[in-house]
Amino acid sequence: MTSTDGSTARTATATAPRPERSGQVRRFSRAERLVHRATGWLMLLCVGTAACLYLAPLAQLVGRRHLLVTVHEWSGVLLPLPFLLGLASPAFRTDLRRLNRFAAYDREWLRAVRRRLTEPRARPAGKFNAGQKIYAGWIAGAVLVMMATGLLMWFTGVLPTISRTSAIFVHDVLAWGIAAVLIGHMRRAYRDPEARLGMRTGFVGRDWARTWHRHWTPEDPQDARGPDSADAGRAR
């Protein structure tokens, strides 16, 4: 709609509020999505350049080893940066507390995985399920170890008591573990389009949240104050 001649008021199109997303709830803030996206790209840079440096066929195909080493080193050094910047976001800090706490229903989720039970009722979860909590803790620890061993390889004289060979061994073995875990993470994401939608847009379907994350209640004021602590007390 266009305004008429001489009109000084904004048109209805310009002033209309953004409609609510029907049947959806907010899962991630913009800051959280940016942290995830930046971390993902840096991780892919690390893994991709490592593959080109480690695997001979890729090394011969790509070449430019010095450039690959530089990109690999600096992408690894910058990997914690999105996380550190994300700490300025209250929503990000709240979700970190959620990831750091196990409730009774998380143990039930793990028992269901061991028994290969896949129905939603057998796998109760808060905003994050037990598998996501374990993955987040493991990948955070792995990144720190990779950074430490990488810096020891980069600056060989920092800790003379630790040989460069030992640092290379730990770095290489853990790199294979990270690659395997990342493949599993991406496979799970590929099989759950609603979870990908939440990370891409910040919103997920209300029915999906109630089915797979029934101990997470975004409408509850308790949820805005902190982790799924109230739900943990109600879990059986």
C-alpha atoms as a PDB file:
ATOM      1  CA  MET A   1       0.000   0.000   0.000  1.00  0.00           C
ATOM      2  CA  THR A   2       1.288   3.443  -0.918  1.00  0.00           C
ATOM      3  CA  SER A   3       0.531   6.671   0.947  1.00  0.00           C
ATOM      4  CA  THR A   4      -1.498   9.435  -0.645  1.00  0.00           C
ATOM      5  CA  ASP A   5      -0.046  12.776  -1.650  1.00  0.00           C
ATOM      6  CA  GLY A   6       0.655  14.988   1.323  1.00  0.00           C
ATOM      7  CA  SER A   7       0.274  12.191   3.839  1.00  0.00           C
ATOM      8  CA  THR A   8       2.750  12.255   6.757  1.00  0.00           C
ATOM      9  CA  ALA A   9       1.565   9.140   8.627  1.00  0.00           C
ATOM     10  CA  ARG A  10       3.055   5.757   7.988  1.00  0.00           C
ATOM     11  CA  THR A  11       1.006   3.290   6.013  1.00  0.00           C
ATOM     12  CA  ALA A  12      -0.627   0.242   7.544  1.00  0.00           C
ATOM     13  CA  THR A  13       1.981  -1.999   5.926  1.00  0.00           C
ATOM     14  CA  ALA A  14       4.826  -0.139   7.597  1.00  0.00           C
ATOM     15  CA  THR A  15       3.265  -0.041  11.058  1.00  0.00           C
ATOM     16  CA  ALA A  16       1.641  -3.471  11.257  1.00  0.00           C
ATOM     17  CA  PRO A  17       3.242  -5.628  13.959  1.00  0.00           C
ATOM     18  CA  ARG A  18       4.978  -8.815  12.992  1.00  0.00           C
ATOM     19  CA  PRO A  19       2.478 -11.691  13.308  1.00  0.00           C
ATOM     20  CA  GLU A  20       3.126 -14.356  15.940  1.00  0.00           C
ATOM     21  CA  ARG A  21       4.294 -17.737  14.704  1.00  0.00           C
ATOM     22  CA  SER A  22       1.217 -19.892  15.049  1.00  0.00           C
ATOM     23  CA  GLY A  23       1.779 -23.214  16.780  1.00  0.00           C
ATOM     24  CA  GLN A  24       5.455 -22.517  17.467  1.00  0.00           C
ATOM     25  CA  VAL A  25       7.590 -21.682  20.501  1.00  0.00           C
ATOM     26  CA  ARG A  26      10.942 -19.943  20.677  1.00  0.00           C
ATOM     27  CA  ARG A  27      13.780 -22.377  21.319  1.00  0.00           C
ATOM     28  CA  PHE A  28      16.944 -20.364  20.661  1.00  0.00           C
ATOM     29  CA  SER A  29      17.760 -16.674  20.695  1.00  0.00           C
ATOM     30  CA  ARG A  30      19.582 -14.964  17.856  1.00  0.00           C
ATOM     31  CA  ALA A  31      22.788 -14.874  19.913  1.00  0.00           C
ATOM     32  CA  GLU A  32      22.647 -18.629  20.505  1.00  0.00           C
ATOM     33  CA  ARG A  33      22.140 -19.345  16.834  1.00  0.00           C
ATOM     34  CA  LEU A  34      25.068 -17.105  15.886  1.00  0.00           C
ATOM     35  CA  VAL A  35      27.311 -18.845  18.424  1.00  0.00           C
ATOM     36  CA  HIS A  36      26.347 -22.248  17.040  1.00  0.00           C
ATOM     37  CA  ARG A  37      26.830 -21.134  13.450  1.00  0.00           C
ATOM     38  CA  ALA A  38      30.224 -19.496  14.022  1.00  0.00           C
ATOM     39  CA  THR A  39      31.468 -22.435  16.076  1.00  0.00           C
ATOM     40  CA  GLY A  40      30.297 -24.841  13.403  1.00  0.00           C
ATOM     41  CA  TRP A  41      32.122 -23.014  10.619  1.00  0.00           C
ATOM     42  CA  LEU A  42      35.337 -22.792  12.633  1.00  0.00           C
ATOM     43  CA  MET A  43      35.090 -26.474  13.494  1.00  0.00           C
ATOM     44  CA  LEU A  44      34.577 -27.382   9.841  1.00  0.00           C
ATOM     45  CA  LEU A  45      37.629 -25.295   8.934  1.00  0.00           C
ATOM     46  CA  CYS A  46      39.689 -27.135  11.541  1.00  0.00           C
ATOM     47  CA  VAL A  47      38.514 -30.566  10.453  1.00  0.00           C
ATOM     48  CA  GLY A  48      38.748 -29.805   6.737  1.00  0.00           C
ATOM     49  CA  THR A  49      42.258 -28.376   6.858  1.00  0.00           C
ATOM     50  CA  ALA A  50      43.358 -31.193   9.177  1.00  0.00           C
ATOM     51  CA  ALA A  51      42.115 -33.745   6.644  1.00  0.00           C
ATOM     52  CA  CYS A  52      44.025 -31.999   3.861  1.00  0.00           C
ATOM     53  CA  LEU A  53      47.182 -32.001   5.991  1.00  0.00           C
ATOM     54  CA  TYR A  54      46.867 -35.550   7.299  1.00  0.00           C
ATOM     55  CA  LEU A  55      45.555 -37.549   4.330  1.00  0.00           C
ATOM     56  CA  ALA A  56      48.054 -37.822   1.476  1.00  0.00           C
ATOM     57  CA  PRO A  57      45.529 -37.931  -1.423  1.00  0.00           C
ATOM     58  CA  LEU A  58      43.878 -34.731  -0.206  1.00  0.00           C
ATOM     59  CA  ALA A  59      47.236 -33.101   0.470  1.00  0.00           C
ATOM     60  CA  GLN A  60      48.333 -33.781  -3.097  1.00  0.00           C
ATOM     61  CA  LEU A  61      45.021 -32.595  -4.506  1.00  0.00           C
ATOM     62  CA  VAL A  62      44.884 -29.312  -2.583  1.00  0.00           C
ATOM     63  CA  GLY A  63      48.555 -28.430  -2.160  1.00  0.00           C
ATOM     64  CA  ARG A  64      49.506 -25.086  -0.547  1.00  0.00           C
ATOM     65  CA  ARG A  65      50.481 -26.754   2.711  1.00  0.00           C
ATOM     66  CA  HIS A  66      51.729 -23.574   4.374  1.00  0.00           C
ATOM     67  CA  LEU A  67      48.361 -21.853   3.809  1.00  0.00           C
ATOM     68  CA  LEU A  68      46.492 -24.889   5.143  1.00  0.00           C
ATOM     69  CA  VAL A  69      48.674 -24.962   8.269  1.00  0.00           C
ATOM     70  CA  THR A  70      48.018 -21.261   8.893  1.00  0.00           C
ATOM     71  CA  VAL A  71      44.247 -21.605   8.445  1.00  0.00           C
ATOM     72  CA  HIS A  72      44.199 -24.703  10.658  1.00  0.00           C
ATOM     73  CA  GLU A  73      46.150 -23.039  13.449  1.00  0.00           C
ATOM     74  CA  TRP A  74      44.134 -19.834  13.554  1.00  0.00           C
ATOM     75  CA  SER A  75      40.739 -21.490  13.187  1.00  0.00           C
ATOM     76  CA  GLY A  76      41.686 -23.655  16.170  1.00  0.00           C
ATOM     77  CA  VAL A  77      42.828 -20.666  18.225  1.00  0.00           C
ATOM     78  CA  LEU A  78      39.627 -18.755  17.398  1.00  0.00           C
ATOM     79  CA  LEU A  79      37.333 -21.714  18.099  1.00  0.00           C
ATOM     80  CA  PRO A  80      36.462 -20.674  21.691  1.00  0.00           C
ATOM     81  CA  LEU A  81      35.795 -17.054  20.640  1.00  0.00           C
ATOM     82  CA  PRO A  82      32.083 -17.485  19.719  1.00  0.00           C
ATOM     83  CA  PHE A  83      31.495 -19.191  23.059  1.00  0.00           C
ATOM     84  CA  LEU A  84      33.189 -16.367  24.974  1.00  0.00           C
ATOM     85  CA  LEU A  85      31.224 -13.718  23.095  1.00  0.00           C
ATOM     86  CA  GLY A  86      28.029 -15.670  23.668  1.00  0.00           C
ATOM     87  CA  LEU A  87      28.459 -15.336  27.429  1.00  0.00           C
ATOM     88  CA  ALA A  88      27.183 -11.775  27.059  1.00  0.00           C
ATOM     89  CA  SER A  89      23.755 -13.241  26.220  1.00  0.00           C
ATOM     90  CA  PRO A  90      21.498 -14.122  29.203  1.00  0.00           C
ATOM     91  CA  ALA A  91      19.709 -16.766  27.102  1.00  0.00           C
ATOM     92  CA  PHE A  92      23.028 -18.406  26.240  1.00  0.00           C
ATOM     93  CA  ARG A  93      24.109 -18.483  29.889  1.00  0.00           C
ATOM     94  CA  THR A  94      20.761 -19.966  30.922  1.00  0.00           C
ATOM     95  CA  ASP A  95      21.080 -22.767  28.373  1.00  0.00           C
ATOM     96  CA  LEU A  96      24.641 -23.452  29.554  1.00  0.00           C
ATOM     97  CA  ARG A  97      23.237 -24.081  33.028  1.00  0.00           C
ATOM     98  CA  ARG A  98      20.666 -26.428  31.539  1.00  0.00           C
ATOM     99  CA  LEU A  99      23.380 -28.357  29.695  1.00  0.00           C
ATOM    100  CA  ASN A 100      25.421 -28.624  32.880  1.00  0.00           C
ATOM    101  CA  ARG A 101      22.681 -30.265  34.975  1.00  0.00           C
ATOM    102  CA  PHE A 102      21.428 -33.839  34.895  1.00  0.00           C
ATOM    103  CA  ALA A 103      17.915 -34.603  36.164  1.00  0.00           C
ATOM    104  CA  ALA A 104      16.257 -37.899  37.010  1.00  0.00           C
ATOM    105  CA  TYR A 105      14.601 -38.019  33.596  1.00  0.00           C
ATOM    106  CA  ASP A 106      18.025 -37.730  31.913  1.00  0.00           C
ATOM    107  CA  ARG A 107      19.051 -41.026  33.474  1.00  0.00           C
ATOM    108  CA  GLU A 108      15.788 -42.481  32.247  1.00  0.00           C
ATOM    109  CA  TRP A 109      16.632 -41.210  28.745  1.00  0.00           C
ATOM    110  CA  LEU A 110      20.002 -42.966  28.858  1.00  0.00           C
ATOM    111  CA  ARG A 111      18.423 -46.232  30.033  1.00  0.00           C
ATOM    112  CA  ALA A 112      15.999 -46.036  27.104  1.00  0.00           C
ATOM    113  CA  VAL A 113      18.905 -45.568  24.691  1.00  0.00           C
ATOM    114  CA  ARG A 114      20.670 -48.639  26.086  1.00  0.00           C
ATOM    115  CA  ARG A 115      17.458 -50.638  25.658  1.00  0.00           C
ATOM    116  CA  ARG A 116      16.966 -49.237  22.135  1.00  0.00           C
ATOM    117  CA  LEU A 117      13.603 -47.718  23.032  1.00  0.00           C
ATOM    118  CA  THR A 118      12.766 -44.952  20.569  1.00  0.00           C
ATOM    119  CA  GLU A 119       9.226 -43.835  21.465  1.00  0.00           C
ATOM    120  CA  PRO A 120       8.988 -40.327  22.973  1.00  0.00           C
ATOM    121  CA  ARG A 121       7.457 -41.517  26.260  1.00  0.00           C
ATOM    122  CA  ALA A 122      10.520 -43.665  26.902  1.00  0.00           C
ATOM    123  CA  ARG A 123      12.931 -40.761  26.351  1.00  0.00           C
ATOM    124  CA  PRO A 124      11.859 -37.842  28.561  1.00  0.00           C
ATOM    125  CA  ALA A 125      13.881 -34.662  28.249  1.00  0.00           C
ATOM    126  CA  GLY A 126      13.983 -31.032  29.253  1.00  0.00           C
ATOM    127  CA  LYS A 127      15.036 -28.410  26.751  1.00  0.00           C
ATOM    128  CA  PHE A 128      18.061 -30.623  25.995  1.00  0.00           C
ATOM    129  CA  ASN A 129      18.090 -34.390  26.213  1.00  0.00           C
ATOM    130  CA  ALA A 130      20.804 -36.359  27.978  1.00  0.00           C
ATOM    131  CA  GLY A 131      22.615 -37.118  24.719  1.00  0.00           C
ATOM    132  CA  GLN A 132      22.884 -33.428  23.869  1.00  0.00           C
ATOM    133  CA  LYS A 133      24.202 -32.677  27.356  1.00  0.00           C
ATOM    134  CA  ILE A 134      26.874 -35.377  27.090  1.00  0.00           C
ATOM    135  CA  TYR A 135      27.842 -34.212  23.602  1.00  0.00           C
ATOM    136  CA  ALA A 136      28.154 -30.577  24.715  1.00  0.00           C
ATOM    137  CA  GLY A 137      30.398 -31.480  27.659  1.00  0.00           C
ATOM    138  CA  TRP A 138      32.533 -33.870  25.633  1.00  0.00           C
ATOM    139  CA  ILE A 139      33.089 -31.508  22.705  1.00  0.00           C
ATOM    140  CA  ALA A 140      33.953 -28.630  25.052  1.00  0.00           C
ATOM    141  CA  GLY A 141      36.602 -30.737  26.807  1.00  0.00           C
ATOM    142  CA  ALA A 142      37.916 -32.084  23.512  1.00  0.00           C
ATOM    143  CA  VAL A 143      38.328 -28.574  22.090  1.00  0.00           C
ATOM    144  CA  LEU A 144      40.357 -27.504  25.133  1.00  0.00           C
ATOM    145  CA  VAL A 145      42.660 -30.529  24.855  1.00  0.00           C
ATOM    146  CA  MET A 146      43.064 -29.974  21.115  1.00  0.00           C
ATOM    147  CA  MET A 147      43.957 -26.334  21.717  1.00  0.00           C
ATOM    148  CA  ALA A 148      46.484 -27.252  24.402  1.00  0.00           C
ATOM    149  CA  THR A 149      48.207 -29.923  22.323  1.00  0.00           C
ATOM    150  CA  GLY A 150      48.089 -27.721  19.234  1.00  0.00           C
ATOM    151  CA  LEU A 151      49.794 -24.865  21.075  1.00  0.00           C
ATOM    152  CA  LEU A 152      52.438 -27.280  22.372  1.00  0.00           C
ATOM    153  CA  MET A 153      53.112 -28.319  18.777  1.00  0.00           C
ATOM    154  CA  TRP A 154      53.165 -24.681  17.680  1.00  0.00           C
ATOM    155  CA  PHE A 155      55.346 -23.389  20.534  1.00  0.00           C
ATOM    156  CA  THR A 156      57.569 -26.329  21.332  1.00  0.00           C
ATOM    157  CA  GLY A 157      59.540 -24.616  24.092  1.00  0.00           C
ATOM    158  CA  VAL A 158      56.595 -23.652  26.319  1.00  0.00           C
ATOM    159  CA  LEU A 159      56.555 -26.925  28.311  1.00  0.00           C
ATOM    160  CA  PRO A 160      59.857 -28.717  27.736  1.00  0.00           C
ATOM    161  CA  THR A 161      58.758 -31.619  29.976  1.00  0.00           C
ATOM    162  CA  ILE A 162      56.135 -32.607  27.386  1.00  0.00           C
ATOM    163  CA  SER A 163      57.614 -33.813  24.124  1.00  0.00           C
ATOM    164  CA  ARG A 164      56.248 -32.657  20.798  1.00  0.00           C
ATOM    165  CA  THR A 165      55.762 -36.315  19.825  1.00  0.00           C
ATOM    166  CA  SER A 166      53.409 -36.845  22.778  1.00  0.00           C
ATOM    167  CA  ALA A 167      51.421 -33.734  21.878  1.00  0.00           C
ATOM    168  CA  ILE A 168      51.125 -34.882  18.259  1.00  0.00           C
ATOM    169  CA  PHE A 169      49.931 -38.344  19.344  1.00  0.00           C
ATOM    170  CA  VAL A 170      47.194 -36.982  21.622  1.00  0.00           C
ATOM    171  CA  HIS A 171      46.207 -34.379  19.028  1.00  0.00           C
ATOM    172  CA  ASP A 172      45.881 -36.922  16.223  1.00  0.00           C
ATOM    173  CA  VAL A 173      44.009 -39.553  18.249  1.00  0.00           C
ATOM    174  CA  LEU A 174      41.549 -37.018  19.620  1.00  0.00           C
ATOM    175  CA  ALA A 175      41.058 -35.544  16.140  1.00  0.00           C
ATOM    176  CA  TRP A 176      39.758 -38.909  14.923  1.00  0.00           C
ATOM    177  CA  GLY A 177      37.406 -39.034  17.901  1.00  0.00           C
ATOM    178  CA  ILE A 178      36.099 -35.535  17.186  1.00  0.00           C
ATOM    179  CA  ALA A 179      35.548 -36.415  13.528  1.00  0.00           C
ATOM    180  CA  ALA A 180      33.510 -39.493  14.497  1.00  0.00           C
ATOM    181  CA  VAL A 181      31.427 -37.571  17.038  1.00  0.00           C
ATOM    182  CA  LEU A 182      30.781 -34.712  14.589  1.00  0.00           C
ATOM    183  CA  ILE A 183      29.581 -37.172  11.959  1.00  0.00           C
ATOM    184  CA  GLY A 184      27.172 -38.632  14.511  1.00  0.00           C
ATOM    185  CA  HIS A 185      26.019 -35.143  15.508  1.00  0.00           C
ATOM    186  CA  MET A 186      25.320 -34.135  11.920  1.00  0.00           C
ATOM    187  CA  ARG A 187      23.592 -37.443  11.224  1.00  0.00           C
ATOM    188  CA  ARG A 188      21.233 -36.912  14.144  1.00  0.00           C
ATOM    189  CA  ALA A 189      20.548 -33.344  13.006  1.00  0.00           C
ATOM    190  CA  TYR A 190      19.804 -34.544   9.471  1.00  0.00           C
ATOM    191  CA  ARG A 191      17.245 -37.017  10.820  1.00  0.00           C
ATOM    192  CA  ASP A 192      15.429 -34.327  12.846  1.00  0.00           C
ATOM    193  CA  PRO A 193      14.283 -31.478  10.570  1.00  0.00           C
ATOM    194  CA  GLU A 194      12.391 -29.791  13.421  1.00  0.00           C
ATOM    195  CA  ALA A 195      15.593 -29.502  15.466  1.00  0.00           C
ATOM    196  CA  ARG A 196      17.364 -28.004  12.447  1.00  0.00           C
ATOM    197  CA  LEU A 197      14.485 -25.553  12.027  1.00  0.00           C
ATOM    198  CA  GLY A 198      14.927 -24.462  15.641  1.00  0.00           C
ATOM    199  CA  MET A 199      18.612 -23.784  15.139  1.00  0.00           C
ATOM    200  CA  ARG A 200      17.991 -22.009  11.830  1.00  0.00           C
ATOM    201  CA  THR A 201      14.996 -19.816  12.768  1.00  0.00           C
ATOM    202  CA  GLY A 202      14.889 -19.992  16.567  1.00  0.00           C
ATOM    203  CA  PHE A 203      11.385 -21.516  16.592  1.00  0.00           C
ATOM    204  CA  VAL A 204      10.093 -25.089  16.799  1.00  0.00           C
ATOM    205  CA  GLY A 205       6.653 -26.591  16.649  1.00  0.00           C
ATOM    206  CA  ARG A 206       4.781 -26.675  19.948  1.00  0.00           C
ATOM    207  CA  ASP A 207       3.695 -30.282  19.355  1.00  0.00           C
ATOM    208  CA  TRP A 208       7.293 -31.353  18.701  1.00  0.00           C
ATOM    209  CA  ALA A 209       8.453 -29.671  21.910  1.00  0.00           C
ATOM    210  CA  ARG A 210       5.710 -31.334  23.954  1.00  0.00           C
ATOM    211  CA  THR A 211       6.456 -34.729  22.418  1.00  0.00           C
ATOM    212  CA  TRP A 212      10.249 -34.877  22.619  1.00  0.00           C
ATOM    213  CA  HIS A 213      11.024 -32.290  25.339  1.00  0.00           C
ATOM    214  CA  ARG A 214       8.022 -32.566  27.604  1.00  0.00           C
ATOM    215  CA  HIS A 215       9.893 -31.360  30.704  1.00  0.00           C
ATOM    216  CA  TRP A 216      10.622 -28.064  28.955  1.00  0.00           C
ATOM    217  CA  THR A 217       7.811 -25.525  29.220  1.00  0.00           C
ATOM    218  CA  PRO A 218       8.697 -22.217  27.504  1.00  0.00           C
ATOM    219  CA  GLU A 219       5.464 -20.566  28.700  1.00  0.00           C
ATOM    220  CA  ASP A 220       6.269 -21.249  32.362  1.00  0.00           C
ATOM    221  CA  PRO A 221       7.838 -18.221  34.165  1.00  0.00           C
ATOM    222  CA  GLN A 222      10.136 -20.706  35.923  1.00  0.00           C
ATOM    223  CA  ASP A 223      11.686 -21.486  32.557  1.00  0.00           C
ATOM    224  CA  ALA A 224      12.675 -17.850  32.042  1.00  0.00           C
ATOM    225  CA  ARG A 225      14.541 -17.773  35.389  1.00  0.00           C
ATOM    226  CA  GLY A 226      16.795 -20.723  34.901  1.00  0.00           C
ATOM    227  CA  PRO A 227      17.309 -24.357  33.886  1.00  0.00           C
ATOM    228  CA  ASP A 228      14.702 -27.082  34.020  1.00  0.00           C
ATOM    229  CA  SER A 229      15.002 -27.192  37.813  1.00  0.00           C
ATOM    230  CA  ALA A 230      11.279 -27.211  38.478  1.00  0.00           C
ATOM    231  CA  ASP A 231      10.741 -29.995  35.968  1.00  0.00           C
ATOM    232  CA  ALA A 232      13.552 -32.040  37.490  1.00  0.00           C
ATOM    233  CA  GLY A 233      11.682 -32.096  40.785  1.00  0.00           C
ATOM    234  CA  ARG A 234       8.524 -33.328  39.060  1.00  0.00           C
ATOM    235  CA  ALA A 235      10.329 -36.065  37.081  1.00  0.00           C
ATOM    236  CA  ARG A 236       9.631 -39.641  38.129  1.00  0.00           C
END
